[in-house]
Amino acid sequence: MHTPAAAAQAQPGDIAPAAPAPVGSPCTGVCKMDAATGWCLGCARSIDEIASWSRLDDPAKRAVWALLPARQAQLRTLHGELPPPPPRSTR
């Protein structure tokens, strides 16, 4: 008998769902703090957010990411165009 509960069980040959990708860092490599706001001119994180990034779980990282667009807009209002990230090495 085929029931919804039986259909939900893994079967031989089933492919497991992919694990969610880890949340990446917003670091751009600029790493210059704005004295007025306390945010990095490159990524718009605070020094505490930068320092704790590797210890944050993914929901906490997503919460920081959600703050960044408004912060970046505020930094652009204060400073105009923000500094571009440094060139990446091709090695």
C-alpha atoms as a PDB file:
ATOM      1  CA  MET A   1       0.000   0.000   0.000  1.00  0.00           C
ATOM      2  CA  HIS A   2       1.348   3.426  -0.996  1.00  0.00           C
ATOM      3  CA  THR A   3       0.754   6.062   1.665  1.00  0.00           C
ATOM      4  CA  PRO A   4       2.064   9.630   2.008  1.00  0.00           C
ATOM      5  CA  ALA A   5       4.118   8.526   5.017  1.00  0.00           C
ATOM      6  CA  ALA A   6       5.716   5.740   2.996  1.00  0.00           C
ATOM      7  CA  ALA A   7       6.412   8.143   0.136  1.00  0.00           C
ATOM      8  CA  ALA A   8       8.235  10.483   2.513  1.00  0.00           C
ATOM      9  CA  GLN A   9      10.704   7.793   3.549  1.00  0.00           C
ATOM     10  CA  ALA A  10      14.039   7.641   1.746  1.00  0.00           C
ATOM     11  CA  GLN A  11      14.303   4.986  -0.906  1.00  0.00           C
ATOM     12  CA  PRO A  12      17.447   3.319  -2.266  1.00  0.00           C
ATOM     13  CA  GLY A  13      18.916   5.522  -4.968  1.00  0.00           C
ATOM     14  CA  ASP A  14      17.265   8.694  -3.656  1.00  0.00           C
ATOM     15  CA  ILE A  15      19.447  11.771  -3.764  1.00  0.00           C
ATOM     16  CA  ALA A  16      19.721  13.632  -0.477  1.00  0.00           C
ATOM     17  CA  PRO A  17      18.768  17.301  -0.591  1.00  0.00           C
ATOM     18  CA  ALA A  18      21.734  19.620  -0.775  1.00  0.00           C
ATOM     19  CA  ALA A  19      22.779  21.264   2.453  1.00  0.00           C
ATOM     20  CA  PRO A  20      22.327  25.035   2.422  1.00  0.00           C
ATOM     21  CA  ALA A  21      25.456  26.908   1.429  1.00  0.00           C
ATOM     22  CA  PRO A  22      27.260  28.586   4.311  1.00  0.00           C
ATOM     23  CA  VAL A  23      26.748  32.331   4.609  1.00  0.00           C
ATOM     24  CA  GLY A  24      29.736  34.125   3.117  1.00  0.00           C
ATOM     25  CA  SER A  25      31.512  37.144   4.478  1.00  0.00           C
ATOM     26  CA  PRO A  26      30.648  40.596   3.123  1.00  0.00           C
ATOM     27  CA  CYS A  27      34.314  41.654   3.409  1.00  0.00           C
ATOM     28  CA  THR A  28      35.530  43.576   0.356  1.00  0.00           C
ATOM     29  CA  GLY A  29      39.124  43.940   1.515  1.00  0.00           C
ATOM     30  CA  VAL A  30      38.879  47.713   2.041  1.00  0.00           C
ATOM     31  CA  CYS A  31      39.010  47.447   5.866  1.00  0.00           C
ATOM     32  CA  LYS A  32      38.888  51.136   6.768  1.00  0.00           C
ATOM     33  CA  MET A  33      36.632  52.176   9.631  1.00  0.00           C
ATOM     34  CA  ASP A  34      34.464  55.294   9.407  1.00  0.00           C
ATOM     35  CA  ALA A  35      34.908  57.387  12.567  1.00  0.00           C
ATOM     36  CA  ALA A  36      31.385  58.867  12.437  1.00  0.00           C
ATOM     37  CA  THR A  37      29.437  55.595  12.201  1.00  0.00           C
ATOM     38  CA  GLY A  38      31.915  52.967  13.403  1.00  0.00           C
ATOM     39  CA  TRP A  39      31.279  50.934  10.239  1.00  0.00           C
ATOM     40  CA  CYS A  40      33.814  49.628   7.766  1.00  0.00           C
ATOM     41  CA  LEU A  41      33.824  51.667   4.539  1.00  0.00           C
ATOM     42  CA  GLY A  42      34.200  48.427   2.592  1.00  0.00           C
ATOM     43  CA  CYS A  43      31.571  46.114   4.076  1.00  0.00           C
ATOM     44  CA  ALA A  44      29.589  48.398   6.445  1.00  0.00           C
ATOM     45  CA  ARG A  45      30.005  46.064   9.426  1.00  0.00           C
ATOM     46  CA  SER A  46      30.966  47.250  12.895  1.00  0.00           C
ATOM     47  CA  ILE A  47      34.278  46.188  14.385  1.00  0.00           C
ATOM     48  CA  ASP A  48      32.405  43.824  16.730  1.00  0.00           C
ATOM     49  CA  GLU A  49      30.571  42.217  13.797  1.00  0.00           C
ATOM     50  CA  ILE A  50      33.851  41.805  11.924  1.00  0.00           C
ATOM     51  CA  ALA A  51      35.656  40.347  14.938  1.00  0.00           C
ATOM     52  CA  SER A  52      32.886  37.865  15.765  1.00  0.00           C
ATOM     53  CA  TRP A  53      31.998  36.852  12.184  1.00  0.00           C
ATOM     54  CA  SER A  54      33.685  33.437  12.276  1.00  0.00           C
ATOM     55  CA  ARG A  55      31.839  32.545  15.488  1.00  0.00           C
ATOM     56  CA  LEU A  56      28.364  33.644  14.354  1.00  0.00           C
ATOM     57  CA  ASP A  57      25.870  31.030  13.219  1.00  0.00           C
ATOM     58  CA  ASP A  58      24.227  31.388   9.810  1.00  0.00           C
ATOM     59  CA  PRO A  59      21.026  33.085  11.076  1.00  0.00           C
ATOM     60  CA  ALA A  60      23.122  35.711  12.888  1.00  0.00           C
ATOM     61  CA  LYS A  61      25.224  36.262   9.756  1.00  0.00           C
ATOM     62  CA  ARG A  62      22.062  36.712   7.688  1.00  0.00           C
ATOM     63  CA  ALA A  63      20.832  39.257  10.249  1.00  0.00           C
ATOM     64  CA  VAL A  64      24.048  41.267   9.805  1.00  0.00           C
ATOM     65  CA  TRP A  65      23.768  41.001   6.010  1.00  0.00           C
ATOM     66  CA  ALA A  66      20.228  42.421   6.261  1.00  0.00           C
ATOM     67  CA  LEU A  67      21.586  45.580   7.943  1.00  0.00           C
ATOM     68  CA  LEU A  68      24.257  46.304   5.344  1.00  0.00           C
ATOM     69  CA  PRO A  69      22.301  47.910   2.448  1.00  0.00           C
ATOM     70  CA  ALA A  70      20.932  50.687   4.694  1.00  0.00           C
ATOM     71  CA  ARG A  71      24.353  51.221   6.241  1.00  0.00           C
ATOM     72  CA  GLN A  72      26.016  51.376   2.824  1.00  0.00           C
ATOM     73  CA  ALA A  73      23.444  53.955   1.715  1.00  0.00           C
ATOM     74  CA  GLN A  74      24.184  56.017   4.815  1.00  0.00           C
ATOM     75  CA  LEU A  75      27.936  55.770   4.190  1.00  0.00           C
ATOM     76  CA  ARG A  76      27.419  56.929   0.575  1.00  0.00           C
ATOM     77  CA  THR A  77      25.382  59.885   1.861  1.00  0.00           C
ATOM     78  CA  LEU A  78      28.219  60.829   4.207  1.00  0.00           C
ATOM     79  CA  HIS A  79      31.154  60.157   1.872  1.00  0.00           C
ATOM     80  CA  GLY A  80      29.897  59.960  -1.694  1.00  0.00           C
ATOM     81  CA  GLU A  81      31.171  56.986  -3.639  1.00  0.00           C
ATOM     82  CA  LEU A  82      32.758  54.374  -1.378  1.00  0.00           C
ATOM     83  CA  PRO A  83      36.291  53.118  -2.042  1.00  0.00           C
ATOM     84  CA  PRO A  84      36.480  50.241  -4.513  1.00  0.00           C
ATOM     85  CA  PRO A  85      37.812  46.912  -3.292  1.00  0.00           C
ATOM     86  CA  PRO A  86      41.480  46.250  -3.986  1.00  0.00           C
ATOM     87  CA  PRO A  87      42.305  44.159  -7.065  1.00  0.00           C
ATOM     88  CA  ARG A  88      42.259  40.438  -6.428  1.00  0.00           C
ATOM     89  CA  SER A  89      45.365  38.391  -7.011  1.00  0.00           C
ATOM     90  CA  THR A  90      45.099  36.007  -9.987  1.00  0.00           C
ATOM     91  CA  ARG A  91      47.525  33.493  -8.521  1.00  0.00           C
END
